[in-house]
Amino acid sequence: MTKADIINEIAKQTGLEKVKVTSVVNGFIIAVKDSLKKGNPVYLRGFGSFVVKKRAKKVARNISKGEKITIPAHNVATFKPSKAFKVKK
């Protein structure tokens, strides 16, 4: 599902104009990005959590050239779904 599909679905379910729904969805995305940039997690009860994890520096190989490269430590945004998403066996 794409962002456009999400906007269309929300507009259909709520009866709101697509322009307003687009504004709200874009605002949500910006709010999540800004929070993660500051290092603050975003918790959406019943949906999941957006958190920033630190990846350690590591040595990898460039397969095409066969040489070792160092990947510096960096932060990665991750999403952890809530228990509502877990499939019961």
N, C-alpha and C. Protein backbone atom coordinates (compact mmCIF):
# COMPACT_ATOMS: atom_id res chain seq x y z
N MET A 1 0.85 -1.17 0.00
CA MET A 1 0.00 0.00 0.00
C MET A 1 0.89 1.24 0.00
N THR A 2 0.61 2.16 -0.86
CA THR A 2 1.39 3.38 -0.96
C THR A 2 0.75 4.50 -0.14
N LYS A 3 1.48 5.60 -0.02
CA LYS A 3 0.94 6.77 0.69
C LYS A 3 -0.35 7.24 0.02
N ALA A 4 -0.39 7.25 -1.29
CA ALA A 4 -1.59 7.66 -2.02
C ALA A 4 -2.76 6.72 -1.72
N ASP A 5 -2.48 5.42 -1.62
CA ASP A 5 -3.53 4.45 -1.28
C ASP A 5 -4.07 4.70 0.12
N ILE A 6 -3.18 5.02 1.05
CA ILE A 6 -3.60 5.31 2.42
C ILE A 6 -4.49 6.55 2.45
N ILE A 7 -4.08 7.59 1.73
CA ILE A 7 -4.86 8.82 1.66
C ILE A 7 -6.24 8.55 1.06
N ASN A 8 -6.29 7.79 -0.02
CA ASN A 8 -7.57 7.45 -0.65
C ASN A 8 -8.47 6.67 0.30
N GLU A 9 -7.90 5.71 1.02
CA GLU A 9 -8.68 4.88 1.94
C GLU A 9 -9.23 5.70 3.10
N ILE A 10 -8.40 6.57 3.67
CA ILE A 10 -8.86 7.42 4.78
C ILE A 10 -9.94 8.38 4.30
N ALA A 11 -9.76 8.96 3.13
CA ALA A 11 -10.76 9.88 2.57
C ALA A 11 -12.09 9.16 2.35
N LYS A 12 -12.02 7.93 1.86
CA LYS A 12 -13.23 7.15 1.61
C LYS A 12 -13.93 6.80 2.92
N GLN A 13 -13.16 6.40 3.94
CA GLN A 13 -13.75 5.97 5.21
C GLN A 13 -14.31 7.14 6.03
N THR A 14 -13.67 8.30 5.92
CA THR A 14 -14.08 9.44 6.76
C THR A 14 -14.96 10.44 6.04
N GLY A 15 -14.94 10.43 4.72
CA GLY A 15 -15.71 11.40 3.95
C GLY A 15 -15.02 12.76 3.86
N LEU A 16 -13.78 12.86 4.33
CA LEU A 16 -13.02 14.10 4.24
C LEU A 16 -12.44 14.27 2.84
N GLU A 17 -12.14 15.52 2.49
CA GLU A 17 -11.52 15.79 1.19
C GLU A 17 -10.09 15.25 1.18
N LYS A 18 -9.66 14.79 0.01
CA LYS A 18 -8.31 14.23 -0.11
C LYS A 18 -7.24 15.26 0.23
N VAL A 19 -7.48 16.53 -0.06
CA VAL A 19 -6.51 17.58 0.23
C VAL A 19 -6.28 17.67 1.74
N LYS A 20 -7.35 17.60 2.52
CA LYS A 20 -7.22 17.68 3.98
C LYS A 20 -6.54 16.42 4.53
N VAL A 21 -6.92 15.26 4.00
CA VAL A 21 -6.32 14.01 4.45
C VAL A 21 -4.82 14.00 4.12
N THR A 22 -4.47 14.48 2.94
CA THR A 22 -3.06 14.56 2.53
C THR A 22 -2.28 15.44 3.50
N SER A 23 -2.86 16.55 3.88
CA SER A 23 -2.22 17.47 4.82
C SER A 23 -1.99 16.79 6.18
N VAL A 24 -2.97 16.05 6.65
CA VAL A 24 -2.86 15.37 7.94
C VAL A 24 -1.81 14.27 7.87
N VAL A 25 -1.82 13.46 6.82
CA VAL A 25 -0.85 12.37 6.67
C VAL A 25 0.57 12.95 6.57
N ASN A 26 0.75 13.99 5.78
CA ASN A 26 2.07 14.62 5.68
C ASN A 26 2.51 15.20 7.02
N GLY A 27 1.58 15.79 7.76
CA GLY A 27 1.89 16.32 9.08
C GLY A 27 2.32 15.23 10.04
N PHE A 28 1.65 14.09 9.97
CA PHE A 28 2.01 12.94 10.81
C PHE A 28 3.44 12.48 10.49
N ILE A 29 3.74 12.35 9.22
CA ILE A 29 5.07 11.88 8.80
C ILE A 29 6.14 12.86 9.28
N ILE A 30 5.90 14.15 9.13
CA ILE A 30 6.86 15.17 9.57
C ILE A 30 7.05 15.11 11.08
N ALA A 31 5.95 14.94 11.83
CA ALA A 31 6.04 14.86 13.29
C ALA A 31 6.86 13.66 13.74
N VAL A 32 6.66 12.51 13.09
CA VAL A 32 7.43 11.31 13.44
C VAL A 32 8.90 11.53 13.11
N LYS A 33 9.20 12.06 11.92
CA LYS A 33 10.60 12.31 11.53
C LYS A 33 11.28 13.27 12.49
N ASP A 34 10.60 14.37 12.84
CA ASP A 34 11.20 15.36 13.74
C ASP A 34 11.48 14.76 15.11
N SER A 35 10.56 13.96 15.61
CA SER A 35 10.76 13.32 16.91
C SER A 35 11.95 12.36 16.88
N LEU A 36 12.04 11.57 15.83
CA LEU A 36 13.15 10.61 15.72
C LEU A 36 14.48 11.32 15.54
N LYS A 37 14.50 12.43 14.80
CA LYS A 37 15.74 13.20 14.63
C LYS A 37 16.25 13.71 15.97
N LYS A 38 15.33 14.04 16.89
CA LYS A 38 15.71 14.51 18.21
C LYS A 38 16.07 13.36 19.15
N GLY A 39 15.90 12.12 18.67
CA GLY A 39 16.21 10.95 19.48
C GLY A 39 15.05 10.48 20.35
N ASN A 40 13.86 11.04 20.13
CA ASN A 40 12.69 10.67 20.92
C ASN A 40 11.87 9.62 20.19
N PRO A 41 11.51 8.53 20.87
CA PRO A 41 10.66 7.51 20.23
C PRO A 41 9.23 7.99 20.10
N VAL A 42 8.48 7.36 19.20
CA VAL A 42 7.06 7.66 19.00
C VAL A 42 6.29 6.38 19.28
N TYR A 43 5.41 6.43 20.30
CA TYR A 43 4.63 5.27 20.68
C TYR A 43 3.18 5.48 20.28
N LEU A 44 2.64 4.56 19.50
CA LEU A 44 1.24 4.60 19.09
C LEU A 44 0.57 3.34 19.66
N ARG A 45 -0.12 3.51 20.79
CA ARG A 45 -0.71 2.37 21.48
C ARG A 45 -1.65 1.61 20.54
N GLY A 46 -1.49 0.30 20.50
CA GLY A 46 -2.31 -0.54 19.65
C GLY A 46 -1.80 -0.63 18.21
N PHE A 47 -0.75 0.12 17.89
CA PHE A 47 -0.19 0.09 16.54
C PHE A 47 1.28 -0.33 16.57
N GLY A 48 2.12 0.44 17.28
CA GLY A 48 3.53 0.10 17.36
C GLY A 48 4.37 1.29 17.77
N SER A 49 5.68 1.10 17.71
CA SER A 49 6.63 2.12 18.14
C SER A 49 7.66 2.39 17.06
N PHE A 50 7.95 3.67 16.85
CA PHE A 50 9.05 4.10 16.00
C PHE A 50 10.17 4.51 16.94
N VAL A 51 11.32 3.86 16.82
CA VAL A 51 12.45 4.17 17.70
C VAL A 51 13.73 4.29 16.88
N VAL A 52 14.72 4.96 17.46
CA VAL A 52 16.02 5.10 16.82
C VAL A 52 16.98 4.13 17.51
N LYS A 53 17.65 3.30 16.72
CA LYS A 53 18.64 2.37 17.24
C LYS A 53 20.01 2.75 16.69
N LYS A 54 21.01 2.56 17.52
CA LYS A 54 22.38 2.87 17.10
C LYS A 54 23.03 1.60 16.58
N ARG A 55 23.55 1.67 15.39
CA ARG A 55 24.29 0.56 14.80
C ARG A 55 25.78 0.79 15.03
N ALA A 56 26.47 -0.22 15.48
CA ALA A 56 27.90 -0.10 15.76
C ALA A 56 28.70 -0.08 14.47
N LYS A 57 29.92 0.44 14.58
CA LYS A 57 30.85 0.43 13.43
C LYS A 57 31.17 -1.02 13.11
N LYS A 58 31.28 -1.34 11.82
CA LYS A 58 31.62 -2.70 11.43
C LYS A 58 32.43 -2.71 10.15
N VAL A 59 33.12 -3.81 9.95
CA VAL A 59 33.91 -4.01 8.74
C VAL A 59 33.13 -4.94 7.82
N ALA A 60 32.99 -4.54 6.57
CA ALA A 60 32.27 -5.33 5.58
C ALA A 60 33.14 -5.49 4.35
N ARG A 61 32.64 -6.25 3.38
CA ARG A 61 33.39 -6.46 2.15
C ARG A 61 32.61 -5.90 0.97
N ASN A 62 33.34 -5.23 0.08
CA ASN A 62 32.78 -4.81 -1.19
C ASN A 62 32.95 -6.01 -2.12
N ILE A 63 31.88 -6.70 -2.40
CA ILE A 63 31.95 -7.96 -3.15
C ILE A 63 32.51 -7.75 -4.56
N SER A 64 32.14 -6.67 -5.22
CA SER A 64 32.58 -6.46 -6.60
C SER A 64 34.08 -6.21 -6.69
N LYS A 65 34.66 -5.54 -5.69
CA LYS A 65 36.10 -5.25 -5.72
C LYS A 65 36.90 -6.16 -4.81
N GLY A 66 36.21 -6.87 -3.91
CA GLY A 66 36.89 -7.79 -3.01
C GLY A 66 37.69 -7.10 -1.91
N GLU A 67 37.41 -5.85 -1.64
CA GLU A 67 38.17 -5.14 -0.61
C GLU A 67 37.31 -4.92 0.63
N LYS A 68 37.97 -4.73 1.77
CA LYS A 68 37.26 -4.47 3.01
C LYS A 68 36.94 -2.98 3.12
N ILE A 69 35.76 -2.70 3.63
CA ILE A 69 35.36 -1.32 3.87
C ILE A 69 34.84 -1.21 5.30
N THR A 70 34.98 -0.04 5.87
CA THR A 70 34.50 0.19 7.22
C THR A 70 33.21 1.01 7.15
N ILE A 71 32.19 0.48 7.76
CA ILE A 71 30.91 1.19 7.83
C ILE A 71 30.87 1.86 9.21
N PRO A 72 30.81 3.19 9.24
CA PRO A 72 30.85 3.89 10.53
C PRO A 72 29.58 3.65 11.35
N ALA A 73 29.68 3.91 12.65
CA ALA A 73 28.50 3.82 13.51
C ALA A 73 27.46 4.83 13.03
N HIS A 74 26.20 4.45 13.07
CA HIS A 74 25.14 5.33 12.61
C HIS A 74 23.82 4.96 13.28
N ASN A 75 22.87 5.86 13.20
CA ASN A 75 21.54 5.63 13.76
C ASN A 75 20.58 5.18 12.67
N VAL A 76 19.66 4.30 13.06
CA VAL A 76 18.68 3.77 12.12
C VAL A 76 17.29 3.86 12.76
N ALA A 77 16.32 4.36 12.03
CA ALA A 77 14.95 4.38 12.51
C ALA A 77 14.33 3.01 12.28
N THR A 78 13.67 2.48 13.31
CA THR A 78 13.04 1.17 13.21
C THR A 78 11.60 1.25 13.68
N PHE A 79 10.81 0.27 13.27
CA PHE A 79 9.42 0.18 13.70
C PHE A 79 9.22 -1.17 14.36
N LYS A 80 8.62 -1.16 15.54
CA LYS A 80 8.30 -2.40 16.24
C LYS A 80 6.78 -2.46 16.38
N PRO A 81 6.13 -3.41 15.71
CA PRO A 81 4.67 -3.49 15.77
C PRO A 81 4.20 -3.91 17.16
N SER A 82 2.96 -3.52 17.49
CA SER A 82 2.38 -3.90 18.78
C SER A 82 1.97 -5.36 18.76
N LYS A 83 1.56 -5.85 19.91
CA LYS A 83 1.13 -7.24 20.01
C LYS A 83 -0.11 -7.52 19.16
N ALA A 84 -0.87 -6.49 18.82
CA ALA A 84 -2.06 -6.66 17.99
C ALA A 84 -1.71 -7.19 16.60
N PHE A 85 -0.48 -6.97 16.15
CA PHE A 85 -0.04 -7.42 14.83
C PHE A 85 0.48 -8.84 14.82
N LYS A 86 0.79 -9.38 15.99
CA LYS A 86 1.37 -10.71 16.05
C LYS A 86 0.35 -11.75 15.69
N VAL A 87 0.78 -12.71 14.86
CA VAL A 87 -0.10 -13.78 14.40
C VAL A 87 -0.07 -14.90 15.42
N LYS A 88 -1.26 -15.30 15.85
CA LYS A 88 -1.35 -16.42 16.80
C LYS A 88 -1.42 -17.72 16.03
N LYS A 89 -0.71 -18.72 16.54
CA LYS A 89 -0.67 -20.02 15.87
C LYS A 89 -1.77 -20.92 16.36
